[in-house]
C-alpha atoms as a PDB file:
ATOM      1  CA  MET A   1       0.000   0.000   0.000  1.00  0.00           C
ATOM      2  CA  ASN A   2       1.276   3.471  -0.838  1.00  0.00           C
ATOM      3  CA  VAL A   3      -0.119   6.982  -0.846  1.00  0.00           C
ATOM      4  CA  THR A   4       0.745  10.438  -2.155  1.00  0.00           C
ATOM      5  CA  ILE A   5       1.358  12.916   0.660  1.00  0.00           C
ATOM      6  CA  CYS A   6       0.666  16.524  -0.287  1.00  0.00           C
ATOM      7  CA  ASP A   7       2.184  19.091   2.058  1.00  0.00           C
ATOM      8  CA  VAL A   8      -0.041  22.171   2.094  1.00  0.00           C
ATOM      9  CA  GLY A   9       2.032  24.113   4.632  1.00  0.00           C
ATOM     10  CA  PRO A  10       3.413  26.742   2.248  1.00  0.00           C
ATOM     11  CA  ARG A  11      -0.129  27.668   1.204  1.00  0.00           C
ATOM     12  CA  ASP A  12      -2.818  26.501   3.627  1.00  0.00           C
ATOM     13  CA  GLY A  13      -0.454  26.650   6.585  1.00  0.00           C
ATOM     14  CA  LEU A  14       1.125  30.059   6.091  1.00  0.00           C
ATOM     15  CA  GLN A  15      -2.176  31.580   4.923  1.00  0.00           C
ATOM     16  CA  ASN A  16      -3.469  31.240   8.463  1.00  0.00           C
ATOM     17  CA  GLU A  17      -0.431  32.835  10.124  1.00  0.00           C
ATOM     18  CA  PRO A  18      -0.747  36.400  11.499  1.00  0.00           C
ATOM     19  CA  GLU A  19       2.675  37.333  10.119  1.00  0.00           C
ATOM     20  CA  THR A  20       3.475  37.511   6.419  1.00  0.00           C
ATOM     21  CA  LEU A  21       6.650  35.772   5.265  1.00  0.00           C
ATOM     22  CA  ALA A  22       8.589  37.199   2.336  1.00  0.00           C
ATOM     23  CA  PRO A  23       8.464  35.224  -0.927  1.00  0.00           C
ATOM     24  CA  ALA A  24      12.102  34.172  -0.442  1.00  0.00           C
ATOM     25  CA  ALA A  25      11.295  32.545   2.916  1.00  0.00           C
ATOM     26  CA  ARG A  26       8.237  30.787   1.495  1.00  0.00           C
ATOM     27  CA  ALA A  27      10.300  29.527  -1.439  1.00  0.00           C
ATOM     28  CA  GLU A  28      12.876  28.206   1.004  1.00  0.00           C
ATOM     29  CA  LEU A  29      10.153  26.256   2.803  1.00  0.00           C
ATOM     30  CA  VAL A  30       8.975  24.717  -0.466  1.00  0.00           C
ATOM     31  CA  SER A  31      12.553  23.868  -1.434  1.00  0.00           C
ATOM     32  CA  ARG A  32      13.225  22.162   1.893  1.00  0.00           C
ATOM     33  CA  LEU A  33      10.037  20.130   1.621  1.00  0.00           C
ATOM     34  CA  ALA A  34      11.030  19.056  -1.878  1.00  0.00           C
ATOM     35  CA  ALA A  35      14.459  18.047  -0.580  1.00  0.00           C
ATOM     36  CA  ALA A  36      12.647  15.871   1.998  1.00  0.00           C
ATOM     37  CA  ARG A  37      11.114  14.037  -0.984  1.00  0.00           C
ATOM     38  CA  LEU A  38       7.527  15.181  -0.530  1.00  0.00           C
ATOM     39  CA  PRO A  39       5.822  13.889  -3.692  1.00  0.00           C
ATOM     40  CA  ARG A  40       3.496  16.889  -3.856  1.00  0.00           C
ATOM     41  CA  ILE A  41       3.636  20.383  -2.345  1.00  0.00           C
ATOM     42  CA  GLU A  42       0.935  23.047  -2.505  1.00  0.00           C
ATOM     43  CA  ALA A  43       3.332  25.936  -2.935  1.00  0.00           C
ATOM     44  CA  VAL A  44       1.248  29.064  -3.514  1.00  0.00           C
ATOM     45  CA  SER A  45      -2.183  30.588  -3.958  1.00  0.00           C
ATOM     46  CA  PHE A  46      -2.965  32.891  -6.862  1.00  0.00           C
ATOM     47  CA  VAL A  47      -5.342  35.240  -5.083  1.00  0.00           C
ATOM     48  CA  ARG A  48      -5.702  38.984  -4.522  1.00  0.00           C
ATOM     49  CA  GLU A  49      -2.845  40.201  -2.370  1.00  0.00           C
ATOM     50  CA  ASP A  50      -4.983  42.832  -0.641  1.00  0.00           C
ATOM     51  CA  LEU A  51      -7.341  40.108   0.594  1.00  0.00           C
ATOM     52  CA  VAL A  52      -4.725  37.469   1.470  1.00  0.00           C
ATOM     53  CA  PRO A  53      -1.419  39.305   2.018  1.00  0.00           C
ATOM     54  CA  GLN A  54       0.247  36.118   3.294  1.00  0.00           C
ATOM     55  CA  MET A  55       0.114  34.798  -0.290  1.00  0.00           C
ATOM     56  CA  ALA A  56       1.538  37.902  -1.984  1.00  0.00           C
ATOM     57  CA  GLY A  57       4.210  37.396  -4.632  1.00  0.00           C
ATOM     58  CA  ALA A  58       3.207  33.889  -5.733  1.00  0.00           C
ATOM     59  CA  GLU A  59       5.188  34.182  -8.961  1.00  0.00           C
ATOM     60  CA  ASP A  60       8.302  35.189  -7.009  1.00  0.00           C
ATOM     61  CA  VAL A  61       7.927  32.159  -4.779  1.00  0.00           C
ATOM     62  CA  VAL A  62       7.684  29.765  -7.708  1.00  0.00           C
ATOM     63  CA  ALA A  63      10.657  31.361  -9.478  1.00  0.00           C
ATOM     64  CA  ALA A  64      12.866  31.007  -6.380  1.00  0.00           C
ATOM     65  CA  VAL A  65      12.068  27.363  -5.550  1.00  0.00           C
ATOM     66  CA  ARG A  66      14.837  24.815  -6.035  1.00  0.00           C
ATOM     67  CA  ARG A  67      12.889  22.315  -8.096  1.00  0.00           C
ATOM     68  CA  ARG A  68      13.345  18.585  -7.597  1.00  0.00           C
ATOM     69  CA  ILE A  69      12.287  15.838  -9.963  1.00  0.00           C
ATOM     70  CA  GLY A  70       9.659  13.764  -8.170  1.00  0.00           C
ATOM     71  CA  SER A  71       8.161  16.649  -6.209  1.00  0.00           C
ATOM     72  CA  GLU A  72       5.091  18.031  -7.974  1.00  0.00           C
ATOM     73  CA  LEU A  73       4.205  21.645  -7.168  1.00  0.00           C
ATOM     74  CA  SER A  74       0.599  22.833  -7.155  1.00  0.00           C
ATOM     75  CA  GLY A  75      -1.151  26.168  -6.729  1.00  0.00           C
ATOM     76  CA  LEU A  76      -4.602  27.150  -5.515  1.00  0.00           C
ATOM     77  CA  VAL A  77      -6.759  29.024  -8.021  1.00  0.00           C
ATOM     78  CA  LEU A  78     -10.145  30.672  -7.416  1.00  0.00           C
ATOM     79  CA  ASN A  79     -10.922  32.305 -10.765  1.00  0.00           C
ATOM     80  CA  GLU A  80      -9.820  32.725 -14.383  1.00  0.00           C
ATOM     81  CA  ARG A  81      -7.262  35.423 -13.569  1.00  0.00           C
ATOM     82  CA  GLY A  82      -5.664  33.140 -10.990  1.00  0.00           C
ATOM     83  CA  TYR A  83      -5.614  30.305 -13.518  1.00  0.00           C
ATOM     84  CA  GLU A  84      -3.819  32.478 -16.060  1.00  0.00           C
ATOM     85  CA  ARG A  85      -1.210  33.405 -13.450  1.00  0.00           C
ATOM     86  CA  LEU A  86      -0.659  29.746 -12.576  1.00  0.00           C
ATOM     87  CA  ARG A  87      -0.250  28.723 -16.221  1.00  0.00           C
ATOM     88  CA  ALA A  88       2.373  31.422 -16.699  1.00  0.00           C
ATOM     89  CA  THR A  89       4.490  29.904 -13.909  1.00  0.00           C
ATOM     90  CA  GLY A  90       4.473  26.393 -15.335  1.00  0.00           C
ATOM     91  CA  LEU A  91       3.283  24.700 -12.144  1.00  0.00           C
ATOM     92  CA  GLU A  92       2.407  21.049 -12.655  1.00  0.00           C
ATOM     93  CA  ARG A  93      -0.957  21.012 -10.855  1.00  0.00           C
ATOM     94  CA  VAL A  94      -3.882  23.332 -10.242  1.00  0.00           C
ATOM     95  CA  ASN A  95      -6.104  23.025  -7.168  1.00  0.00           C
ATOM     96  CA  LEU A  96      -9.616  24.429  -7.527  1.00  0.00           C
ATOM     97  CA  THR A  97     -11.930  24.621  -4.553  1.00  0.00           C
ATOM     98  CA  LEU A  98     -15.567  25.095  -3.657  1.00  0.00           C
ATOM     99  CA  ALA A  99     -17.668  24.293  -0.609  1.00  0.00           C
ATOM    100  CA  ALA A 100     -20.286  21.594  -0.249  1.00  0.00           C
ATOM    101  CA  THR A 101     -22.784  24.043   1.277  1.00  0.00           C
ATOM    102  CA  GLU A 102     -24.650  27.080   0.069  1.00  0.00           C
ATOM    103  CA  ALA A 103     -23.804  29.218   3.114  1.00  0.00           C
ATOM    104  CA  PHE A 104     -20.054  28.630   3.054  1.00  0.00           C
ATOM    105  CA  ASN A 105     -19.839  29.416  -0.660  1.00  0.00           C
ATOM    106  CA  ARG A 106     -21.729  32.658  -0.152  1.00  0.00           C
ATOM    107  CA  ARG A 107     -19.652  33.693   2.882  1.00  0.00           C
ATOM    108  CA  ASN A 108     -16.293  32.673   1.415  1.00  0.00           C
ATOM    109  CA  ALA A 109     -16.685  33.242  -2.335  1.00  0.00           C
ATOM    110  CA  ASN A 110     -19.758  35.489  -2.632  1.00  0.00           C
ATOM    111  CA  ALA A 111     -21.414  32.901  -4.867  1.00  0.00           C
ATOM    112  CA  SER A 112     -24.197  30.365  -4.662  1.00  0.00           C
ATOM    113  CA  LEU A 113     -23.334  26.672  -4.775  1.00  0.00           C
ATOM    114  CA  ASP A 114     -24.507  26.433  -8.384  1.00  0.00           C
ATOM    115  CA  GLU A 115     -22.428  29.466  -9.303  1.00  0.00           C
ATOM    116  CA  ALA A 116     -19.381  27.943  -7.596  1.00  0.00           C
ATOM    117  CA  VAL A 117     -19.863  24.694  -9.541  1.00  0.00           C
ATOM    118  CA  ALA A 118     -20.162  26.598 -12.815  1.00  0.00           C
ATOM    119  CA  ARG A 119     -16.987  28.544 -12.055  1.00  0.00           C
ATOM    120  CA  VAL A 120     -15.003  25.391 -11.340  1.00  0.00           C
ATOM    121  CA  GLU A 121     -16.401  23.596 -14.398  1.00  0.00           C
ATOM    122  CA  ALA A 122     -15.436  26.537 -16.622  1.00  0.00           C
ATOM    123  CA  LEU A 123     -11.881  26.489 -15.313  1.00  0.00           C
ATOM    124  CA  LEU A 124     -11.614  22.726 -15.757  1.00  0.00           C
ATOM    125  CA  ALA A 125     -12.702  23.084 -19.378  1.00  0.00           C
ATOM    126  CA  ARG A 126     -10.688  26.201 -20.108  1.00  0.00           C
ATOM    127  CA  ASP A 127      -7.309  24.765 -21.058  1.00  0.00           C
ATOM    128  CA  THR A 128      -7.061  21.742 -23.325  1.00  0.00           C
ATOM    129  CA  ALA A 129      -3.582  22.591 -24.573  1.00  0.00           C
ATOM    130  CA  SER A 130      -0.808  20.109 -23.870  1.00  0.00           C
ATOM    131  CA  PRO A 131       0.820  19.840 -21.454  1.00  0.00           C
ATOM    132  CA  ALA A 132      -2.051  21.009 -19.255  1.00  0.00           C
ATOM    133  CA  PRO A 133      -1.574  20.860 -15.478  1.00  0.00           C
ATOM    134  CA  GLY A 134      -3.065  18.077 -13.416  1.00  0.00           C
ATOM    135  CA  THR A 135      -6.378  19.078 -11.870  1.00  0.00           C
ATOM    136  CA  THR A 136      -7.545  18.666  -8.296  1.00  0.00           C
ATOM    137  CA  VAL A 137     -10.895  19.883  -7.013  1.00  0.00           C
ATOM    138  CA  THR A 138     -11.119  20.215  -3.244  1.00  0.00           C
ATOM    139  CA  ILE A 139     -14.583  20.076  -1.681  1.00  0.00           C
ATOM    140  CA  SER A 140     -14.456  22.061   1.557  1.00  0.00           C
ATOM    141  CA  CYS A 141     -16.962  21.484   4.363  1.00  0.00           C
ATOM    142  CA  ALA A 142     -17.417  17.903   3.152  1.00  0.00           C
ATOM    143  CA  PHE A 143     -18.050  16.661   6.696  1.00  0.00           C
ATOM    144  CA  GLY A 144     -19.554  19.701   8.396  1.00  0.00           C
ATOM    145  CA  CYS A 145     -20.152  23.403   7.867  1.00  0.00           C
ATOM    146  CA  PRO A 146     -19.644  26.206  10.425  1.00  0.00           C
ATOM    147  CA  PHE A 147     -22.820  27.904   9.197  1.00  0.00           C
ATOM    148  CA  GLU A 148     -25.147  25.015   8.233  1.00  0.00           C
ATOM    149  CA  GLY A 149     -24.002  22.288  10.611  1.00  0.00           C
ATOM    150  CA  GLU A 150     -24.150  18.667   9.446  1.00  0.00           C
ATOM    151  CA  VAL A 151     -23.568  18.008   5.750  1.00  0.00           C
ATOM    152  CA  ASP A 152     -25.376  15.185   3.942  1.00  0.00           C
ATOM    153  CA  PRO A 153     -22.810  12.715   2.534  1.00  0.00           C
ATOM    154  CA  GLY A 154     -25.156  12.033  -0.359  1.00  0.00           C
ATOM    155  CA  ALA A 155     -25.115  15.711  -1.298  1.00  0.00           C
ATOM    156  CA  VAL A 156     -21.303  15.676  -1.259  1.00  0.00           C
ATOM    157  CA  ALA A 157     -21.209  12.588  -3.480  1.00  0.00           C
ATOM    158  CA  ASP A 158     -23.690  14.172  -5.895  1.00  0.00           C
ATOM    159  CA  LEU A 159     -21.576  17.330  -6.012  1.00  0.00           C
ATOM    160  CA  CYS A 160     -18.475  15.288  -6.852  1.00  0.00           C
ATOM    161  CA  ASP A 161     -20.420  13.518  -9.595  1.00  0.00           C
ATOM    162  CA  ARG A 162     -21.260  16.895 -11.166  1.00  0.00           C
ATOM    163  CA  LEU A 163     -17.552  17.789 -11.361  1.00  0.00           C
ATOM    164  CA  SER A 164     -16.835  15.305 -14.136  1.00  0.00           C
ATOM    165  CA  GLY A 165     -13.843  17.241 -15.460  1.00  0.00           C
ATOM    166  CA  ALA A 166     -11.833  16.922 -12.240  1.00  0.00           C
ATOM    167  CA  GLY A 167      -8.839  14.643 -12.457  1.00  0.00           C
ATOM    168  CA  GLU A 168      -8.837  14.195  -8.696  1.00  0.00           C
ATOM    169  CA  LEU A 169     -11.309  14.925  -5.896  1.00  0.00           C
ATOM    170  CA  VAL A 170     -10.201  15.856  -2.370  1.00  0.00           C
ATOM    171  CA  LEU A 171     -12.689  15.815   0.507  1.00  0.00           C
ATOM    172  CA  ALA A 172     -11.808  18.476   3.065  1.00  0.00           C
ATOM    173  CA  ASP A 173     -12.740  18.441   6.739  1.00  0.00           C
ATOM    174  CA  THR A 174     -12.617  22.229   6.959  1.00  0.00           C
ATOM    175  CA  ILE A 175     -13.749  22.571  10.573  1.00  0.00           C
ATOM    176  CA  GLY A 176     -12.256  19.407  12.040  1.00  0.00           C
ATOM    177  CA  VAL A 177     -15.423  17.406  12.756  1.00  0.00           C
ATOM    178  CA  ALA A 178     -14.681  14.293  10.696  1.00  0.00           C
ATOM    179  CA  THR A 179     -14.228  10.894  12.329  1.00  0.00           C
ATOM    180  CA  PRO A 180     -12.593   7.796  10.830  1.00  0.00           C
ATOM    181  CA  ARG A 181     -15.739   5.845   9.996  1.00  0.00           C
ATOM    182  CA  ARG A 182     -17.466   8.844   8.403  1.00  0.00           C
ATOM    183  CA  VAL A 183     -14.376   9.564   6.315  1.00  0.00           C
ATOM    184  CA  ARG A 184     -13.975   5.955   5.194  1.00  0.00           C
ATOM    185  CA  ARG A 185     -17.613   5.729   4.128  1.00  0.00           C
ATOM    186  CA  LEU A 186     -17.582   8.985   2.163  1.00  0.00           C
ATOM    187  CA  VAL A 187     -14.285   8.179   0.444  1.00  0.00           C
ATOM    188  CA  GLU A 188     -15.688   4.777  -0.545  1.00  0.00           C
ATOM    189  CA  ARG A 189     -18.839   6.416  -1.879  1.00  0.00           C
ATOM    190  CA  VAL A 190     -16.989   9.024  -3.960  1.00  0.00           C
ATOM    191  CA  SER A 191     -14.442   6.469  -5.209  1.00  0.00           C
ATOM    192  CA  ILE A 192     -17.260   4.751  -7.092  1.00  0.00           C
ATOM    193  CA  LEU A 193     -17.063   7.654  -9.560  1.00  0.00           C
ATOM    194  CA  GLY A 194     -13.807   6.190 -10.816  1.00  0.00           C
ATOM    195  CA  ARG A 195     -11.456   9.084 -10.086  1.00  0.00           C
ATOM    196  CA  PRO A 196      -8.674   9.357  -7.477  1.00  0.00           C
ATOM    197  CA  VAL A 197      -9.965  10.575  -4.127  1.00  0.00           C
ATOM    198  CA  GLY A 198      -8.015  12.373  -1.421  1.00  0.00           C
ATOM    199  CA  PHE A 199      -8.610  13.648   2.107  1.00  0.00           C
ATOM    200  CA  HIS A 200      -7.670  16.974   3.695  1.00  0.00           C
ATOM    201  CA  GLY A 201      -8.049  16.756   7.455  1.00  0.00           C
ATOM    202  CA  HIS A 202      -7.832  19.208  10.326  1.00  0.00           C
ATOM    203  CA  ASN A 203      -6.845  18.053  13.781  1.00  0.00           C
ATOM    204  CA  THR A 204      -9.062  20.586  15.552  1.00  0.00           C
ATOM    205  CA  ARG A 205     -10.676  17.927  17.762  1.00  0.00           C
ATOM    206  CA  SER A 206      -7.773  15.436  17.715  1.00  0.00           C
ATOM    207  CA  THR A 207      -9.383  13.191  15.098  1.00  0.00           C
ATOM    208  CA  GLY A 208      -7.349  14.296  12.077  1.00  0.00           C
ATOM    209  CA  HIS A 209      -4.731  11.538  12.064  1.00  0.00           C
ATOM    210  CA  ALA A 210      -7.242   8.774  12.727  1.00  0.00           C
ATOM    211  CA  SER A 211      -9.501  10.184  10.020  1.00  0.00           C
ATOM    212  CA  ALA A 212      -6.595  10.132   7.561  1.00  0.00           C
ATOM    213  CA  TRP A 213      -6.242   6.428   8.267  1.00  0.00           C
ATOM    214  CA  GLY A 214      -9.977   6.007   7.707  1.00  0.00           C
ATOM    215  CA  ALA A 215      -9.584   7.736   4.346  1.00  0.00           C
ATOM    216  CA  LEU A 216      -6.798   5.336   3.408  1.00  0.00           C
ATOM    217  CA  GLU A 217      -8.960   2.347   4.330  1.00  0.00           C
ATOM    218  CA  GLY A 218     -11.717   3.793   2.151  1.00  0.00           C
ATOM    219  CA  GLY A 219      -9.413   3.909  -0.872  1.00  0.00           C
ATOM    220  CA  ALA A 220      -7.933   7.422  -0.732  1.00  0.00           C
ATOM    221  CA  THR A 221      -4.740   7.804  -2.750  1.00  0.00           C
ATOM    222  CA  VAL A 222      -3.853  11.343  -1.624  1.00  0.00           C
ATOM    223  CA  LEU A 223      -3.578  12.715   1.909  1.00  0.00           C
ATOM    224  CA  ASP A 224      -3.059  16.413   2.627  1.00  0.00           C
ATOM    225  CA  ALA A 225      -1.074  17.527   5.663  1.00  0.00           C
ATOM    226  CA  SER A 226       0.940  20.551   6.762  1.00  0.00           C
ATOM    227  CA  VAL A 227       4.490  20.534   8.084  1.00  0.00           C
ATOM    228  CA  GLY A 228       4.465  21.136  11.835  1.00  0.00           C
ATOM    229  CA  GLY A 229       0.643  21.147  11.820  1.00  0.00           C
ATOM    230  CA  LEU A 230       0.798  24.733  10.612  1.00  0.00           C
ATOM    231  CA  GLY A 231      -2.448  26.454   9.673  1.00  0.00           C
ATOM    232  CA  GLY A 232      -6.169  25.854   9.715  1.00  0.00           C
ATOM    233  CA  CYS A 233      -8.867  27.783   7.877  1.00  0.00           C
ATOM    234  CA  PRO A 234      -9.012  31.590   8.171  1.00  0.00           C
ATOM    235  CA  PHE A 235     -12.549  31.627   6.723  1.00  0.00           C
ATOM    236  CA  SER A 236     -14.011  29.279   9.321  1.00  0.00           C
ATOM    237  CA  PRO A 237     -14.179  30.377  12.984  1.00  0.00           C
ATOM    238  CA  GLY A 238     -12.099  28.145  15.266  1.00  0.00           C
ATOM    239  CA  ALA A 239     -10.943  25.737  12.546  1.00  0.00           C
ATOM    240  CA  THR A 240      -7.408  25.417  13.832  1.00  0.00           C
ATOM    241  CA  GLY A 241      -4.804  22.781  13.282  1.00  0.00           C
ATOM    242  CA  ASN A 242      -3.928  20.977  10.079  1.00  0.00           C
ATOM    243  CA  VAL A 243      -2.691  17.413  10.430  1.00  0.00           C
ATOM    244  CA  ALA A 244       1.098  17.580  10.889  1.00  0.00           C
ATOM    245  CA  THR A 245       2.858  16.025   7.903  1.00  0.00           C
ATOM    246  CA  GLU A 246       5.700  14.502   9.920  1.00  0.00           C
ATOM    247  CA  ASP A 247       3.229  12.973  12.396  1.00  0.00           C
ATOM    248  CA  LEU A 248       1.196  11.477   9.572  1.00  0.00           C
ATOM    249  CA  VAL A 249       4.257  10.123   7.765  1.00  0.00           C
ATOM    250  CA  TRP A 250       5.559   8.526  10.975  1.00  0.00           C
ATOM    251  CA  GLN A 251       2.190   6.867  11.596  1.00  0.00           C
ATOM    252  CA  LEU A 252       1.871   5.560   8.043  1.00  0.00           C
ATOM    253  CA  GLU A 253       5.426   4.286   7.740  1.00  0.00           C
ATOM    254  CA  ARG A 254       5.172   2.643  11.168  1.00  0.00           C
ATOM    255  CA  ASP A 255       2.222   0.625   9.857  1.00  0.00           C
ATOM    256  CA  GLY A 256       3.926  -0.288   6.601  1.00  0.00           C
ATOM    257  CA  VAL A 257       2.435   2.297   4.243  1.00  0.00           C
ATOM    258  CA  GLU A 258       5.031   3.554   1.790  1.00  0.00           C
ATOM    259  CA  THR A 259       5.182   7.357   1.535  1.00  0.00           C
ATOM    260  CA  ARG A 260       8.672   7.762  -0.033  1.00  0.00           C
ATOM    261  CA  VAL A 261       9.203  10.786   2.269  1.00  0.00           C
ATOM    262  CA  ASP A 262      12.513  11.305   4.087  1.00  0.00           C
ATOM    263  CA  LEU A 263      11.118  11.580   7.612  1.00  0.00           C
ATOM    264  CA  ASP A 264      14.364  12.732   9.205  1.00  0.00           C
ATOM    265  CA  ALA A 265      14.666  15.558   6.678  1.00  0.00           C
ATOM    266  CA  LEU A 266      11.001  16.452   7.178  1.00  0.00           C
ATOM    267  CA  VAL A 267      11.486  16.681  10.946  1.00  0.00           C
ATOM    268  CA  GLY A 268      14.392  19.010  10.225  1.00  0.00           C
ATOM    269  CA  VAL A 269      12.100  21.218   8.140  1.00  0.00           C
ATOM    270  CA  ALA A 270       9.603  21.436  11.019  1.00  0.00           C
ATOM    271  CA  ARG A 271      12.358  22.431  13.441  1.00  0.00           C
ATOM    272  CA  TRP A 272      13.627  25.063  11.018  1.00  0.00           C
ATOM    273  CA  LEU A 273      10.094  26.380  10.484  1.00  0.00           C
ATOM    274  CA  GLU A 274       9.563  26.731  14.237  1.00  0.00           C
ATOM    275  CA  GLY A 275      12.423  29.240  14.265  1.00  0.00           C
ATOM    276  CA  VAL A 276      11.071  31.075  11.233  1.00  0.00           C
ATOM    277  CA  VAL A 277       7.577  31.651  12.667  1.00  0.00           C
ATOM    278  CA  GLY A 278       8.908  32.163  16.194  1.00  0.00           C
ATOM    279  CA  ARG A 279       6.659  29.803  18.109  1.00  0.00           C
ATOM    280  CA  ARG A 280       6.194  26.149  18.934  1.00  0.00           C
ATOM    281  CA  LEU A 281       4.255  24.303  16.255  1.00  0.00           C
ATOM    282  CA  ASP A 282       1.408  21.861  16.859  1.00  0.00           C
ATOM    283  CA  GLY A 283       3.204  18.807  15.472  1.00  0.00           C
ATOM    284  CA  GLN A 284       4.370  16.140  17.926  1.00  0.00           C
ATOM    285  CA  VAL A 285       6.971  14.037  16.131  1.00  0.00           C
ATOM    286  CA  TYR A 286       9.418  16.867  15.515  1.00  0.00           C
ATOM    287  CA  ARG A 287       9.594  17.387  19.319  1.00  0.00           C
ATOM    288  CA  ALA A 288       9.687  13.676  20.214  1.00  0.00           C
ATOM    289  CA  ALA A 289      12.732  11.567  21.051  1.00  0.00           C
ATOM    290  CA  THR A 290      14.405   9.964  18.032  1.00  0.00           C
ATOM    291  CA  TRP A 291      13.086   6.485  17.361  1.00  0.00           C
ATOM    292  CA  PRO A 292      15.754   3.962  16.287  1.00  0.00           C
ATOM    293  CA  ALA A 293      15.865   3.703  12.496  1.00  0.00           C
ATOM    294  CA  THR A 294      16.124  -0.087  12.731  1.00  0.00           C
ATOM    295  CA  ALA A 295      12.990  -0.511  14.827  1.00  0.00           C
ATOM    296  CA  ALA A 296      10.579  -3.131  13.497  1.00  0.00           C
ATOM    297  CA  ARG A 297       7.362  -1.831  11.998  1.00  0.00           C
END
């Protein structure tokens, strides 16, 4: 069994930080993650800098990254202008996002759910030139919404079915209310559509790592996490704590799941990042005693 780990720290993690890091520092983070053999890194977000100043200078970040073969870089895009900016950088993957609920779409994107679907579908169909970037569509609030409460899994599955142009579908637990069995069942249900399915978990209520395992049991092939547990969701009240990448990798490798990530190097990135942001991070493994490399799994 193997899985693609996508580190979202440079985008989803830093976006939630009160301080804004310069593009050079963000590029250094991406470069260090690539050196730790992360197979995928969400490096930047192509959004308005006045609204999300933490993501300013996306093009400068991409230009400064030390690229590594085997580490795919992706960028978050919300509209056609953002897509054009991404294409100009040559990033290998585009991540489009919309929420599973009407209220979250209106509060976060000033659009109805149907309008959000139409926007994503238009972007998926926009570029047929080769080589086009890989496409991921992330469904936020797939397990619960801060404004509407419980979310019907059937509605989420139907929404995924509508997004037929997506190369990959990621189910996001935006507010950290997912549990392993719920995640496994929804991943299984969406996997019937015949496209790769991923899971983006938050550890807000200490269920993120267990839910990631539930996603894997349900057939997920991609798991999002953030180095050091950095981030959360700035558009959802109290949605703190991404799953820490190094904690997730340790757990998976310990149980025999191949990630191809250099865990020692990744722990080093978390320790370096702690100094950059000037506070202790939420991850556990980077602060734990070293486990013998020869220990049986």
